[in-house]
N, C-alpha and C. Protein backbone atom coordinates (compact mmCIF):
# COMPACT_ATOMS: atom_id res chain seq x y z
N MET A 1 12.08 38.56 -27.48
CA MET A 1 11.86 37.49 -28.44
C MET A 1 10.51 36.82 -28.14
N ARG A 2 9.73 36.66 -29.16
CA ARG A 2 8.41 36.04 -29.00
C ARG A 2 8.50 34.54 -29.25
N ILE A 3 7.76 33.80 -28.45
CA ILE A 3 7.70 32.36 -28.64
C ILE A 3 6.75 32.03 -29.79
N PHE A 4 5.62 32.75 -29.84
CA PHE A 4 4.62 32.52 -30.87
C PHE A 4 4.62 33.68 -31.86
N LYS A 5 4.38 33.37 -33.10
CA LYS A 5 4.26 34.41 -34.11
C LYS A 5 2.93 35.13 -33.91
N GLU A 6 2.87 36.36 -34.39
CA GLU A 6 1.65 37.15 -34.28
C GLU A 6 0.64 36.68 -35.32
N ILE A 7 -0.59 36.52 -34.87
CA ILE A 7 -1.67 36.05 -35.75
C ILE A 7 -2.16 37.20 -36.62
N ASP A 8 -2.36 36.93 -37.90
CA ASP A 8 -3.01 37.87 -38.79
C ASP A 8 -4.51 37.64 -38.63
N LYS A 9 -5.12 38.50 -37.83
CA LYS A 9 -6.52 38.29 -37.45
C LYS A 9 -7.47 38.35 -38.64
N THR A 10 -7.20 39.21 -39.60
CA THR A 10 -8.10 39.35 -40.75
C THR A 10 -8.20 38.04 -41.53
N PHE A 11 -7.06 37.47 -41.88
CA PHE A 11 -7.07 36.24 -42.67
C PHE A 11 -7.49 35.03 -41.85
N THR A 12 -7.13 35.03 -40.57
CA THR A 12 -7.53 33.93 -39.70
C THR A 12 -9.04 33.90 -39.54
N LYS A 13 -9.66 35.07 -39.31
CA LYS A 13 -11.12 35.13 -39.19
C LYS A 13 -11.78 34.70 -40.49
N ARG A 14 -11.22 35.14 -41.60
CA ARG A 14 -11.78 34.76 -42.91
C ARG A 14 -11.78 33.23 -43.07
N ASN A 15 -10.69 32.58 -42.69
CA ASN A 15 -10.61 31.12 -42.76
C ASN A 15 -11.65 30.47 -41.86
N ALA A 16 -11.77 30.99 -40.64
CA ALA A 16 -12.73 30.43 -39.69
C ALA A 16 -14.16 30.59 -40.19
N TYR A 17 -14.51 31.78 -40.68
CA TYR A 17 -15.86 32.01 -41.18
C TYR A 17 -16.16 31.11 -42.38
N GLU A 18 -15.16 30.86 -43.21
CA GLU A 18 -15.36 30.00 -44.38
C GLU A 18 -15.69 28.57 -43.95
N VAL A 19 -14.94 28.04 -43.00
CA VAL A 19 -15.21 26.68 -42.52
C VAL A 19 -16.55 26.62 -41.80
N LEU A 20 -16.81 27.57 -40.93
CA LEU A 20 -18.08 27.58 -40.20
C LEU A 20 -19.28 27.71 -41.13
N SER A 21 -19.13 28.48 -42.21
CA SER A 21 -20.26 28.66 -43.13
C SER A 21 -20.58 27.38 -43.89
N LEU A 22 -19.68 26.41 -43.90
CA LEU A 22 -19.94 25.12 -44.56
C LEU A 22 -20.62 24.11 -43.65
N TYR A 23 -20.79 24.46 -42.38
CA TYR A 23 -21.35 23.52 -41.41
C TYR A 23 -22.70 22.95 -41.85
N ARG A 24 -23.61 23.79 -42.27
CA ARG A 24 -24.95 23.30 -42.65
C ARG A 24 -24.88 22.35 -43.85
N ARG A 25 -23.99 22.63 -44.78
CA ARG A 25 -23.81 21.75 -45.94
C ARG A 25 -23.31 20.38 -45.48
N TYR A 26 -22.32 20.39 -44.59
CA TYR A 26 -21.80 19.12 -44.07
C TYR A 26 -22.89 18.35 -43.33
N ALA A 27 -23.70 19.07 -42.58
CA ALA A 27 -24.79 18.42 -41.84
C ALA A 27 -25.77 17.75 -42.79
N ARG A 28 -26.09 18.43 -43.89
CA ARG A 28 -27.00 17.83 -44.88
C ARG A 28 -26.35 16.60 -45.52
N MET A 29 -25.08 16.73 -45.87
CA MET A 29 -24.38 15.62 -46.52
C MET A 29 -24.25 14.42 -45.58
N ALA A 30 -23.97 14.67 -44.33
CA ALA A 30 -23.79 13.59 -43.36
C ALA A 30 -25.11 12.89 -43.06
N GLY A 31 -26.21 13.61 -43.17
CA GLY A 31 -27.50 13.04 -42.84
C GLY A 31 -28.27 12.46 -44.01
N GLU A 32 -27.72 12.61 -45.21
CA GLU A 32 -28.41 12.11 -46.38
C GLU A 32 -28.49 10.59 -46.35
N GLU A 33 -29.63 10.09 -46.63
CA GLU A 33 -29.79 8.64 -46.75
C GLU A 33 -29.38 8.23 -48.16
N TYR A 34 -28.76 7.08 -48.25
CA TYR A 34 -28.37 6.60 -49.57
C TYR A 34 -29.59 5.97 -50.24
N ASN A 35 -29.95 6.49 -51.38
CA ASN A 35 -31.01 5.91 -52.19
C ASN A 35 -30.36 5.15 -53.33
N PRO A 36 -30.47 3.84 -53.32
CA PRO A 36 -29.79 3.08 -54.36
C PRO A 36 -30.32 3.41 -55.74
N LYS A 37 -29.40 3.42 -56.68
CA LYS A 37 -29.75 3.70 -58.07
C LYS A 37 -30.38 2.44 -58.68
N ILE A 38 -31.44 2.63 -59.42
CA ILE A 38 -32.08 1.51 -60.09
C ILE A 38 -31.60 1.50 -61.53
N THR A 39 -31.09 0.36 -61.95
CA THR A 39 -30.54 0.24 -63.31
C THR A 39 -31.65 -0.01 -64.32
N ALA A 40 -31.27 -0.09 -65.58
CA ALA A 40 -32.23 -0.32 -66.66
C ALA A 40 -32.92 -1.67 -66.52
N THR A 41 -32.27 -2.61 -65.84
CA THR A 41 -32.88 -3.93 -65.66
C THR A 41 -33.69 -3.99 -64.37
N TYR A 42 -33.97 -2.83 -63.79
CA TYR A 42 -34.74 -2.70 -62.55
C TYR A 42 -34.14 -3.48 -61.39
N SER A 43 -32.82 -3.41 -61.31
CA SER A 43 -32.15 -4.00 -60.16
C SER A 43 -31.40 -2.88 -59.44
N PHE A 44 -31.19 -3.10 -58.17
CA PHE A 44 -30.48 -2.10 -57.39
C PHE A 44 -28.98 -2.25 -57.56
N GLU A 45 -28.28 -1.10 -57.62
CA GLU A 45 -26.83 -1.12 -57.57
C GLU A 45 -26.43 -0.86 -56.13
N PRO A 46 -25.37 -1.35 -55.62
CA PRO A 46 -24.46 -2.31 -56.22
C PRO A 46 -25.03 -3.72 -56.13
N LYS A 47 -24.65 -4.55 -57.07
CA LYS A 47 -25.10 -5.94 -57.08
C LYS A 47 -24.34 -6.71 -56.02
N SER A 48 -24.89 -7.84 -55.60
CA SER A 48 -24.21 -8.65 -54.60
C SER A 48 -22.93 -9.23 -55.19
N GLY A 49 -22.10 -9.72 -54.32
CA GLY A 49 -20.84 -10.28 -54.78
C GLY A 49 -19.67 -9.44 -54.31
N GLY A 50 -19.93 -8.43 -53.50
CA GLY A 50 -18.86 -7.65 -52.92
C GLY A 50 -18.39 -6.49 -53.77
N PHE A 51 -18.94 -6.31 -54.95
CA PHE A 51 -18.52 -5.20 -55.80
C PHE A 51 -19.40 -3.99 -55.50
N THR A 52 -18.78 -2.81 -55.50
CA THR A 52 -19.55 -1.60 -55.29
C THR A 52 -19.36 -0.69 -56.50
N SER A 53 -20.38 0.05 -56.79
CA SER A 53 -20.27 0.97 -57.91
C SER A 53 -19.48 2.20 -57.47
N LYS A 54 -18.94 2.91 -58.43
CA LYS A 54 -18.18 4.13 -58.14
C LYS A 54 -19.09 5.18 -57.50
N ALA A 55 -20.35 5.25 -57.94
CA ALA A 55 -21.29 6.22 -57.38
C ALA A 55 -21.54 5.93 -55.90
N THR A 56 -21.71 4.68 -55.55
CA THR A 56 -21.92 4.29 -54.16
C THR A 56 -20.68 4.62 -53.33
N GLU A 57 -19.53 4.28 -53.86
CA GLU A 57 -18.28 4.55 -53.17
C GLU A 57 -18.09 6.05 -52.93
N ASN A 58 -18.38 6.86 -53.95
CA ASN A 58 -18.25 8.31 -53.82
C ASN A 58 -19.21 8.86 -52.77
N GLN A 59 -20.43 8.36 -52.78
CA GLN A 59 -21.42 8.85 -51.83
C GLN A 59 -21.05 8.49 -50.39
N VAL A 60 -20.55 7.29 -50.19
CA VAL A 60 -20.13 6.87 -48.85
C VAL A 60 -18.93 7.69 -48.40
N THR A 61 -17.97 7.89 -49.29
CA THR A 61 -16.78 8.68 -48.98
C THR A 61 -17.18 10.11 -48.63
N GLN A 62 -18.09 10.67 -49.41
CA GLN A 62 -18.57 12.04 -49.16
C GLN A 62 -19.24 12.14 -47.80
N ARG A 63 -20.02 11.15 -47.45
CA ARG A 63 -20.73 11.16 -46.18
C ARG A 63 -19.76 11.04 -45.00
N VAL A 64 -18.78 10.15 -45.13
CA VAL A 64 -17.79 9.98 -44.08
C VAL A 64 -16.96 11.25 -43.91
N THR A 65 -16.58 11.86 -45.02
CA THR A 65 -15.82 13.11 -44.98
C THR A 65 -16.63 14.21 -44.30
N ALA A 66 -17.91 14.30 -44.62
CA ALA A 66 -18.78 15.30 -44.00
C ALA A 66 -18.90 15.06 -42.49
N CYS A 67 -19.03 13.81 -42.10
CA CYS A 67 -19.10 13.47 -40.66
C CYS A 67 -17.81 13.85 -39.95
N ASP A 68 -16.67 13.55 -40.57
CA ASP A 68 -15.38 13.92 -39.98
C ASP A 68 -15.24 15.43 -39.83
N GLU A 69 -15.67 16.15 -40.85
CA GLU A 69 -15.59 17.60 -40.81
C GLU A 69 -16.49 18.18 -39.73
N MET A 70 -17.69 17.64 -39.60
CA MET A 70 -18.60 18.09 -38.55
C MET A 70 -18.00 17.83 -37.17
N GLU A 71 -17.37 16.69 -37.00
CA GLU A 71 -16.74 16.34 -35.73
C GLU A 71 -15.63 17.35 -35.38
N ALA A 72 -14.83 17.71 -36.37
CA ALA A 72 -13.75 18.69 -36.15
C ALA A 72 -14.34 20.06 -35.78
N ILE A 73 -15.45 20.43 -36.43
CA ILE A 73 -16.11 21.70 -36.11
C ILE A 73 -16.69 21.66 -34.70
N TYR A 74 -17.35 20.54 -34.33
CA TYR A 74 -17.90 20.40 -32.98
C TYR A 74 -16.81 20.59 -31.93
N LYS A 75 -15.71 19.88 -32.13
CA LYS A 75 -14.62 19.93 -31.15
C LYS A 75 -14.07 21.35 -31.01
N ALA A 76 -13.87 22.02 -32.13
CA ALA A 76 -13.32 23.38 -32.09
C ALA A 76 -14.28 24.35 -31.41
N ILE A 77 -15.57 24.23 -31.70
CA ILE A 77 -16.55 25.10 -31.06
C ILE A 77 -16.62 24.82 -29.57
N ASN A 78 -16.62 23.57 -29.18
CA ASN A 78 -16.72 23.21 -27.77
C ASN A 78 -15.49 23.63 -26.96
N ARG A 79 -14.39 23.91 -27.63
CA ARG A 79 -13.18 24.36 -26.94
C ARG A 79 -13.12 25.89 -26.79
N ILE A 80 -14.11 26.59 -27.33
CA ILE A 80 -14.18 28.04 -27.11
C ILE A 80 -14.48 28.26 -25.64
N ILE A 81 -13.65 29.06 -24.99
CA ILE A 81 -13.69 29.18 -23.54
C ILE A 81 -14.99 29.81 -23.03
N ASP A 82 -15.38 30.94 -23.57
CA ASP A 82 -16.55 31.68 -23.09
C ASP A 82 -17.83 31.05 -23.66
N PRO A 83 -18.71 30.55 -22.80
CA PRO A 83 -19.94 29.92 -23.30
C PRO A 83 -20.84 30.87 -24.07
N TYR A 84 -20.78 32.18 -23.77
CA TYR A 84 -21.61 33.14 -24.49
C TYR A 84 -21.08 33.35 -25.91
N VAL A 85 -19.77 33.34 -26.05
CA VAL A 85 -19.16 33.44 -27.38
C VAL A 85 -19.50 32.18 -28.17
N ARG A 86 -19.42 31.04 -27.51
CA ARG A 86 -19.78 29.77 -28.13
C ARG A 86 -21.23 29.81 -28.62
N GLN A 87 -22.11 30.38 -27.80
CA GLN A 87 -23.52 30.47 -28.18
C GLN A 87 -23.71 31.34 -29.42
N VAL A 88 -22.96 32.44 -29.52
CA VAL A 88 -23.05 33.31 -30.68
C VAL A 88 -22.64 32.55 -31.95
N ILE A 89 -21.55 31.81 -31.87
CA ILE A 89 -21.07 31.03 -33.02
C ILE A 89 -22.10 29.98 -33.42
N ILE A 90 -22.66 29.29 -32.45
CA ILE A 90 -23.65 28.24 -32.74
C ILE A 90 -24.91 28.85 -33.35
N GLU A 91 -25.38 29.94 -32.79
CA GLU A 91 -26.60 30.58 -33.33
C GLU A 91 -26.40 31.04 -34.77
N LYS A 92 -25.22 31.56 -35.07
CA LYS A 92 -24.98 32.10 -36.40
C LYS A 92 -24.71 31.02 -37.44
N TYR A 93 -23.97 29.98 -37.07
CA TYR A 93 -23.50 29.03 -38.07
C TYR A 93 -24.07 27.61 -37.97
N CYS A 94 -24.61 27.22 -36.83
CA CYS A 94 -24.95 25.81 -36.66
C CYS A 94 -26.44 25.50 -36.55
N LYS A 95 -27.27 26.49 -36.41
CA LYS A 95 -28.71 26.24 -36.33
C LYS A 95 -29.26 26.00 -37.73
N TRP A 96 -30.26 25.14 -37.83
CA TRP A 96 -30.84 24.84 -39.15
C TRP A 96 -31.48 26.05 -39.78
N HIS A 97 -32.18 26.82 -38.94
CA HIS A 97 -32.88 28.00 -39.46
C HIS A 97 -31.89 29.15 -39.51
N ILE A 98 -31.63 29.67 -40.69
CA ILE A 98 -30.68 30.77 -40.86
C ILE A 98 -31.37 32.07 -40.45
N LYS A 99 -30.72 32.80 -39.54
CA LYS A 99 -31.25 34.07 -39.07
C LYS A 99 -30.31 35.20 -39.48
N GLN A 100 -30.86 36.36 -39.63
CA GLN A 100 -30.06 37.56 -39.85
C GLN A 100 -29.31 37.88 -38.55
N ASP A 101 -28.16 38.52 -38.68
CA ASP A 101 -27.37 38.87 -37.50
C ASP A 101 -28.18 39.70 -36.50
N LYS A 102 -28.96 40.64 -37.01
CA LYS A 102 -29.76 41.50 -36.13
C LYS A 102 -30.73 40.67 -35.29
N ALA A 103 -31.35 39.67 -35.89
CA ALA A 103 -32.27 38.82 -35.14
C ALA A 103 -31.53 38.03 -34.07
N ILE A 104 -30.31 37.59 -34.39
CA ILE A 104 -29.53 36.81 -33.41
C ILE A 104 -29.17 37.68 -32.21
N TYR A 105 -28.57 38.85 -32.48
CA TYR A 105 -28.13 39.65 -31.33
C TYR A 105 -29.30 40.24 -30.56
N THR A 106 -30.42 40.46 -31.21
CA THR A 106 -31.61 40.92 -30.50
C THR A 106 -32.14 39.80 -29.60
N ASP A 107 -32.25 38.60 -30.14
CA ASP A 107 -32.73 37.45 -29.36
C ASP A 107 -31.83 37.16 -28.16
N LEU A 108 -30.52 37.32 -28.35
CA LEU A 108 -29.57 37.02 -27.28
C LEU A 108 -29.39 38.19 -26.31
N GLY A 109 -29.93 39.35 -26.66
CA GLY A 109 -29.85 40.50 -25.77
C GLY A 109 -28.53 41.25 -25.81
N TYR A 110 -27.83 41.18 -26.94
CA TYR A 110 -26.56 41.90 -27.09
C TYR A 110 -26.74 43.11 -27.99
N SER A 111 -25.86 44.08 -27.80
CA SER A 111 -25.82 45.20 -28.74
C SER A 111 -25.14 44.71 -30.01
N GLU A 112 -25.30 45.46 -31.08
CA GLU A 112 -24.68 45.07 -32.35
C GLU A 112 -23.16 44.99 -32.23
N SER A 113 -22.56 46.00 -31.60
CA SER A 113 -21.10 46.01 -31.48
C SER A 113 -20.60 44.87 -30.59
N GLU A 114 -21.32 44.59 -29.52
CA GLU A 114 -20.94 43.49 -28.63
C GLU A 114 -21.04 42.15 -29.36
N PHE A 115 -22.09 42.00 -30.15
CA PHE A 115 -22.27 40.77 -30.92
C PHE A 115 -21.09 40.54 -31.87
N TYR A 116 -20.70 41.58 -32.61
CA TYR A 116 -19.61 41.42 -33.58
C TYR A 116 -18.27 41.23 -32.90
N ARG A 117 -18.06 41.84 -31.74
CA ARG A 117 -16.83 41.57 -30.97
C ARG A 117 -16.77 40.11 -30.53
N MET A 118 -17.90 39.60 -30.06
CA MET A 118 -17.96 38.21 -29.62
C MET A 118 -17.77 37.26 -30.80
N LEU A 119 -18.36 37.60 -31.92
CA LEU A 119 -18.23 36.79 -33.12
C LEU A 119 -16.78 36.72 -33.58
N GLU A 120 -16.09 37.86 -33.57
CA GLU A 120 -14.69 37.89 -33.96
C GLU A 120 -13.82 37.09 -33.00
N ARG A 121 -14.06 37.27 -31.71
CA ARG A 121 -13.30 36.52 -30.71
C ARG A 121 -13.54 35.02 -30.87
N GLY A 122 -14.79 34.66 -31.12
CA GLY A 122 -15.12 33.25 -31.33
C GLY A 122 -14.45 32.68 -32.57
N ALA A 123 -14.36 33.48 -33.62
CA ALA A 123 -13.72 33.03 -34.86
C ALA A 123 -12.24 32.76 -34.64
N ILE A 124 -11.57 33.63 -33.88
CA ILE A 124 -10.15 33.44 -33.60
C ILE A 124 -9.94 32.19 -32.75
N GLU A 125 -10.75 32.02 -31.71
CA GLU A 125 -10.63 30.83 -30.86
C GLU A 125 -10.96 29.57 -31.66
N PHE A 126 -11.97 29.65 -32.50
CA PHE A 126 -12.32 28.51 -33.35
C PHE A 126 -11.13 28.13 -34.23
N ALA A 127 -10.51 29.12 -34.84
CA ALA A 127 -9.36 28.87 -35.71
C ALA A 127 -8.20 28.23 -34.94
N GLU A 128 -7.99 28.67 -33.71
CA GLU A 128 -6.93 28.09 -32.88
C GLU A 128 -7.21 26.63 -32.57
N ASN A 129 -8.47 26.31 -32.37
CA ASN A 129 -8.86 24.95 -31.94
C ASN A 129 -9.12 23.99 -33.09
N TYR A 130 -9.41 24.48 -34.27
CA TYR A 130 -9.79 23.64 -35.40
C TYR A 130 -8.57 22.89 -35.94
N ARG A 131 -8.62 21.58 -35.85
CA ARG A 131 -7.57 20.69 -36.40
C ARG A 131 -6.16 21.18 -36.07
N GLY A 132 -5.94 21.47 -34.80
CA GLY A 132 -4.60 21.85 -34.36
C GLY A 132 -4.15 23.22 -34.84
N GLY A 133 -5.08 24.09 -35.17
CA GLY A 133 -4.74 25.45 -35.57
C GLY A 133 -4.46 25.63 -37.04
N GLU A 134 -4.93 24.72 -37.88
CA GLU A 134 -4.62 24.82 -39.31
C GLU A 134 -5.24 26.04 -40.01
N LEU A 135 -6.20 26.69 -39.38
CA LEU A 135 -6.81 27.89 -39.98
C LEU A 135 -6.05 29.17 -39.64
N LEU A 136 -5.11 29.07 -38.72
CA LEU A 136 -4.36 30.26 -38.31
C LEU A 136 -3.45 30.76 -39.42
N VAL A 137 -3.42 32.06 -39.57
CA VAL A 137 -2.51 32.72 -40.52
C VAL A 137 -1.63 33.64 -39.69
N PHE A 138 -0.33 33.57 -39.89
CA PHE A 138 0.61 34.37 -39.12
C PHE A 138 1.17 35.50 -39.95
N ARG A 139 1.43 36.59 -39.28
CA ARG A 139 2.03 37.76 -39.94
C ARG A 139 3.49 37.50 -40.23
N LYS A 140 3.91 38.02 -41.34
CA LYS A 140 5.33 37.94 -41.69
C LYS A 140 5.97 39.25 -41.27
N HIS A 141 7.04 39.14 -40.52
CA HIS A 141 7.79 40.32 -40.07
C HIS A 141 9.02 40.47 -40.93
N LEU A 142 9.46 41.68 -41.12
CA LEU A 142 10.66 41.94 -41.92
C LEU A 142 11.86 41.18 -41.37
N GLY A 143 11.93 41.06 -40.06
CA GLY A 143 13.04 40.31 -39.45
C GLY A 143 13.04 38.86 -39.85
N ASP A 144 11.84 38.28 -40.05
CA ASP A 144 11.73 36.87 -40.45
C ASP A 144 12.21 36.68 -41.88
N ILE A 145 11.98 37.67 -42.73
CA ILE A 145 12.32 37.56 -44.14
C ILE A 145 13.84 37.67 -44.32
N CYS A 146 14.49 38.50 -43.52
CA CYS A 146 15.92 38.74 -43.67
C CYS A 146 16.78 37.63 -43.11
N LYS A 147 16.24 36.75 -42.33
CA LYS A 147 17.04 35.68 -41.70
C LYS A 147 17.28 34.53 -42.62
């Protein structure tokens, strides 16, 4: 009897790659400065008096959400055990300058196959660590269905 269900690696990696690929977008959103909208009367929104416009509220909410998401990604990456695997994930998904995979594994001194093995292992560990494992997908066994 297994304590843990078997992970469906294909779907779990897909989930991890999807979240990691959004990192740069979140970084841009979190770092955007708010430029107040100028109205037709040449005044800045929101006006004083404690009221905020819906656009301002949306932008602040979006920025806070992006910061929260980046924090969750940081934590999950930092919990990857092997620092070399962590480096592969960071180089591929977190650097501002987007590089081709070949340039990354050449710069790091890995073979192509070693790079992709490390990337896959990092994706699985990332999925396990991200928000309590919410990216994990488990295989369904026939025994589970019949119970």
